[in-house]
Amino acid sequence: GLIIIDEQHKFGVRQRKELSEKGGNNCDVLVLSATPIPRTLYMSLSGARNLSRIETPPKKRKPVLTAIEPYSKEIIKEAIDEELNRKGQVYFIHNRIESIMKMASITQGLCPNAKIGIAHGQMKENELEKTMKNFVNHKIDVLICTTIIENGLDISNANTLIIDKAESFGLSQIHQLRGRVGRSEKQGYAYMLVRNEDGITHEGTQRLNAIREYSALGSGYHLAMKDLEIR
């Protein structure tokens, strides 16, 4: 009688339809997302879907402090060093598998004392699982990874996020990635590094400005609205 679909943005329209049909005509369907996709948001605004919002964050949770900066090795080094100094861990999003090893080498050169790990979707399953277990068990300080970590991770000791080439990401994706840090009482930090300032489109600039503006807890709805507006 009830179907709940979490992380709605990870499912296609056909997938959600097929899941909803499993309950027959009288089934209630609840879809959940920190960042509702524009189509669903439009349907709720037009009255075709009912909308509920949970705006109260967990107790003692702090908004993630977000900075948007030109790509800089100095910023990377400073961000990693500061997190390691408080015994924390770092996610470093580099969403190009062909150059992820090179980025890991660069990062190791900047922070020679840091234990570096790599995670991406083309790794063998057992190898990826081992890497993630090592990160959970604090055997890795900095995880250089693709957007594979976008959902489902709850590692309270990882509270700094660095996103390389942030201008190439969508609003919802950045918000989901930013949600990987600041999941405890510790302050979370997110660094959005821009590689090509001159080549950013007007829409890209709007997205980055929205990420900077809507950093409060529970701001996913407002970001989704802005995403709809930009589109």
Protein backbone atom coordinates (compact mmCIF):
# COMPACT_ATOMS: atom_id res chain seq x y z
CA GLY A 1 0.00 0.00 0.00
CA LEU A 2 2.99 2.32 0.30
CA ILE A 3 6.12 2.66 -1.82
CA ILE A 4 8.99 4.89 -0.65
CA ILE A 5 11.75 5.77 -3.11
CA ASP A 6 14.79 7.37 -1.49
CA GLU A 7 17.41 9.37 -3.45
CA GLN A 8 14.81 10.04 -6.14
CA HIS A 9 17.28 11.78 -8.44
CA LYS A 10 19.14 8.47 -8.91
CA PHE A 11 16.15 6.90 -10.69
CA GLY A 12 14.86 7.55 -14.18
CA VAL A 13 11.21 8.35 -14.93
CA ARG A 14 10.60 4.82 -16.29
CA GLN A 15 12.23 3.18 -13.25
CA ARG A 16 10.09 5.17 -10.83
CA LYS A 17 6.95 4.38 -12.86
CA GLU A 18 7.69 0.65 -12.82
CA LEU A 19 8.34 0.72 -9.06
CA SER A 20 5.14 2.68 -8.43
CA GLU A 21 3.07 0.24 -10.50
CA LYS A 22 4.08 -2.66 -8.23
CA GLY A 23 1.56 -1.43 -5.68
CA GLY A 24 -1.39 -1.24 -8.07
CA ASN A 25 -3.75 1.69 -8.52
CA ASN A 26 -4.43 2.33 -4.83
CA CYS A 27 -0.80 2.57 -3.72
CA ASP A 28 0.61 5.72 -2.11
CA VAL A 29 4.05 6.74 -3.39
CA LEU A 30 6.52 8.86 -1.40
CA VAL A 31 9.69 10.01 -3.15
CA LEU A 32 12.53 11.54 -1.14
CA SER A 33 15.45 13.74 -2.12
CA ALA A 34 17.66 16.44 -0.62
CA THR A 35 17.50 18.08 -4.06
CA PRO A 36 14.20 17.42 -5.90
CA ILE A 37 14.70 17.14 -9.66
CA PRO A 38 13.23 20.06 -11.67
CA ARG A 39 10.47 17.93 -13.23
CA THR A 40 9.19 16.79 -9.84
CA LEU A 41 9.47 20.28 -8.43
CA TYR A 42 7.46 21.66 -11.35
CA MET A 43 4.77 19.01 -10.82
CA SER A 44 4.50 19.94 -7.13
CA LEU A 45 4.30 23.67 -7.92
CA SER A 46 1.55 23.04 -10.48
CA GLY A 47 -0.45 20.97 -7.98
CA ALA A 48 0.05 17.58 -9.67
CA ARG A 49 2.09 16.34 -6.70
CA ASN A 50 1.84 17.01 -2.98
CA LEU A 51 4.98 18.46 -1.44
CA SER A 52 6.29 18.02 2.12
CA ARG A 53 9.48 19.58 3.44
CA ILE A 54 11.65 18.56 6.39
CA GLU A 55 13.53 21.71 7.36
CA THR A 56 14.76 20.87 10.87
CA PRO A 57 18.35 19.60 10.82
CA PRO A 58 19.74 17.08 13.32
CA LYS A 59 20.71 18.64 16.65
CA LYS A 60 24.11 20.39 16.84
CA ARG A 61 24.64 20.05 13.06
CA LYS A 62 26.39 23.09 11.54
CA PRO A 63 26.09 24.50 8.02
CA VAL A 64 29.05 23.59 5.79
CA LEU A 65 31.20 26.68 5.18
CA THR A 66 31.60 26.98 1.41
CA ALA A 67 34.32 28.81 -0.53
CA ILE A 68 34.56 29.22 -4.30
CA GLU A 69 38.12 29.88 -5.43
CA PRO A 70 40.30 29.67 -8.56
CA TYR A 71 42.18 26.35 -8.73
CA SER A 72 45.28 26.64 -6.58
CA LYS A 73 47.72 24.08 -5.20
CA GLU A 74 48.24 26.35 -2.21
CA ILE A 75 44.52 26.20 -1.34
CA ILE A 76 44.53 22.39 -1.70
CA LYS A 77 47.55 22.07 0.59
CA GLU A 78 46.15 24.49 3.16
CA ALA A 79 42.72 22.82 3.21
CA ILE A 80 44.21 19.34 3.66
CA ASP A 81 46.76 20.42 6.27
CA GLU A 82 44.11 22.18 8.36
CA GLU A 83 41.82 19.15 8.33
CA LEU A 84 44.62 16.74 9.17
CA ASN A 85 45.75 19.01 12.01
CA ARG A 86 42.38 18.45 13.68
CA LYS A 87 42.67 14.67 13.08
CA GLY A 88 40.06 14.69 10.33
CA GLN A 89 39.82 13.32 6.78
CA VAL A 90 39.29 14.83 3.35
CA TYR A 91 37.24 14.02 0.25
CA PHE A 92 38.91 15.34 -2.91
CA ILE A 93 36.58 15.10 -5.92
CA HIS A 94 38.47 14.77 -9.20
CA ASN A 95 35.90 13.47 -11.67
CA ARG A 96 38.25 12.32 -14.44
CA ILE A 97 39.41 8.73 -14.09
CA GLU A 98 42.13 9.10 -16.76
CA SER A 99 43.95 11.74 -14.69
CA ILE A 100 43.03 10.71 -11.16
CA MET A 101 46.39 9.01 -10.55
CA LYS A 102 48.19 12.19 -11.60
CA MET A 103 46.08 14.24 -9.20
CA ALA A 104 46.84 11.77 -6.42
CA SER A 105 50.57 12.18 -7.16
CA ILE A 106 50.27 15.98 -7.11
CA THR A 107 48.38 15.87 -3.80
CA GLN A 108 50.96 13.52 -2.27
CA GLY A 109 53.68 15.98 -3.28
CA LEU A 110 51.80 18.85 -1.64
CA CYS A 111 51.11 16.88 1.55
CA PRO A 112 53.87 14.27 1.89
CA ASN A 113 52.70 13.12 5.32
CA ALA A 114 49.12 12.43 4.20
CA LYS A 115 47.95 8.89 3.43
CA ILE A 116 46.31 9.09 0.01
CA GLY A 117 43.66 6.73 -1.37
CA ILE A 118 41.87 6.55 -4.72
CA ALA A 119 38.27 5.50 -5.45
CA HIS A 120 36.36 5.40 -8.74
CA GLY A 121 33.73 3.30 -10.48
CA GLN A 122 36.11 1.40 -12.77
CA MET A 123 37.97 -0.24 -9.88
CA LYS A 124 37.38 -3.91 -9.13
CA GLU A 125 34.62 -4.33 -6.56
CA ASN A 126 36.84 -5.91 -3.89
CA GLU A 127 39.52 -3.25 -4.43
CA LEU A 128 36.99 -0.43 -4.09
CA GLU A 129 35.48 -2.02 -0.98
CA LYS A 130 38.93 -2.36 0.60
CA THR A 131 39.70 1.31 -0.12
CA MET A 132 36.44 2.48 1.42
CA LYS A 133 36.96 0.29 4.51
CA ASN A 134 40.44 1.77 4.92
CA PHE A 135 38.95 5.26 4.72
CA VAL A 136 36.27 4.42 7.28
CA ASN A 137 38.97 3.00 9.59
CA HIS A 138 41.14 6.15 9.25
CA LYS A 139 43.89 4.33 7.34
CA ILE A 140 43.45 6.91 4.55
CA ASP A 141 43.60 10.66 5.20
CA VAL A 142 42.65 11.99 1.76
CA LEU A 143 40.37 10.12 -0.62
CA ILE A 144 40.89 11.25 -4.22
CA CYS A 145 37.67 10.11 -5.87
CA THR A 146 35.03 10.63 -8.51
CA THR A 147 31.39 11.39 -7.70
CA ILE A 148 31.04 7.74 -6.67
CA ILE A 149 30.84 9.01 -3.07
CA GLU A 150 27.85 11.25 -3.85
CA ASN A 151 25.28 9.23 -1.89
CA GLY A 152 25.06 6.91 1.06
CA LEU A 153 28.28 7.69 2.92
CA ASP A 154 28.08 8.80 6.55
CA ILE A 155 31.65 9.21 7.78
CA SER A 156 31.60 11.70 10.63
CA ASN A 157 35.39 12.15 10.68
CA ALA A 158 35.52 13.41 7.07
CA ASN A 159 34.73 17.13 7.25
CA THR A 160 36.60 18.80 4.41
CA LEU A 161 35.48 18.52 0.79
CA ILE A 162 37.50 19.76 -2.19
CA ILE A 163 35.87 19.75 -5.64
CA ASP A 164 38.18 20.18 -8.61
CA LYS A 165 36.66 21.94 -11.65
CA ALA A 166 33.48 22.79 -9.73
CA GLU A 167 32.14 24.78 -12.67
CA SER A 168 31.44 21.52 -14.53
CA PHE A 169 29.03 20.16 -11.90
CA GLY A 170 25.29 20.67 -11.59
CA LEU A 171 23.68 22.35 -8.60
CA SER A 172 22.06 19.22 -7.22
CA GLN A 173 25.25 17.21 -7.61
CA ILE A 174 27.34 19.77 -5.73
CA HIS A 175 24.74 19.92 -2.96
CA GLN A 176 24.71 16.13 -2.66
CA LEU A 177 28.53 16.04 -2.53
CA ARG A 178 28.63 18.83 0.04
CA GLY A 179 26.29 16.73 2.15
CA ARG A 180 29.08 14.17 2.67
CA VAL A 181 30.83 16.48 5.15
CA GLY A 182 29.66 18.21 8.32
CA ARG A 183 27.69 15.15 9.39
CA SER A 184 28.60 15.47 13.07
CA GLU A 185 29.11 18.31 15.55
CA LYS A 186 32.37 19.26 13.81
CA GLN A 187 32.44 22.18 11.38
CA GLY A 188 32.43 21.08 7.74
CA TYR A 189 34.28 22.91 4.96
CA ALA A 190 33.77 22.78 1.19
CA TYR A 191 36.19 24.23 -1.35
CA MET A 192 34.87 24.65 -4.90
CA LEU A 193 37.89 25.09 -7.16
CA VAL A 194 37.28 26.68 -10.56
CA ARG A 195 39.72 25.85 -13.36
CA ASN A 196 38.42 28.04 -16.18
CA GLU A 197 37.02 31.31 -14.84
CA ASP A 198 36.93 33.03 -18.22
CA GLY A 199 35.14 30.12 -19.89
CA ILE A 200 32.30 29.77 -17.40
CA THR A 201 28.88 30.32 -18.95
CA HIS A 202 26.31 32.70 -17.45
CA GLU A 203 24.37 29.66 -16.20
CA GLY A 204 27.56 28.24 -14.65
CA THR A 205 28.15 31.50 -12.79
CA GLN A 206 24.55 31.44 -11.54
CA ARG A 207 25.02 27.89 -10.25
CA LEU A 208 28.20 28.75 -8.35
CA ASN A 209 26.59 31.86 -6.85
CA ALA A 210 23.62 29.76 -5.72
CA ILE A 211 25.91 27.21 -4.05
CA ARG A 212 27.60 30.04 -2.16
CA GLU A 213 24.28 31.65 -1.18
CA TYR A 214 22.35 28.54 -0.15
CA SER A 215 24.68 26.80 2.29
CA ALA A 216 22.33 26.67 5.27
CA LEU A 217 21.06 23.31 6.50
CA GLY A 218 17.88 22.30 4.72
CA SER A 219 18.54 24.59 1.76
CA GLY A 220 18.23 21.80 -0.82
CA TYR A 221 14.68 22.89 -1.71
CA HIS A 222 15.81 26.45 -2.41
CA LEU A 223 18.72 25.17 -4.51
CA ALA A 224 16.34 22.97 -6.48
CA MET A 225 14.10 25.99 -7.08
CA LYS A 226 17.09 27.99 -8.29
CA ASP A 227 18.10 25.10 -10.55
CA LEU A 228 14.60 25.09 -12.04
CA GLU A 229 14.77 28.86 -12.53
CA ILE A 230 18.19 28.68 -14.28
CA ARG A 231 16.99 25.89 -16.56
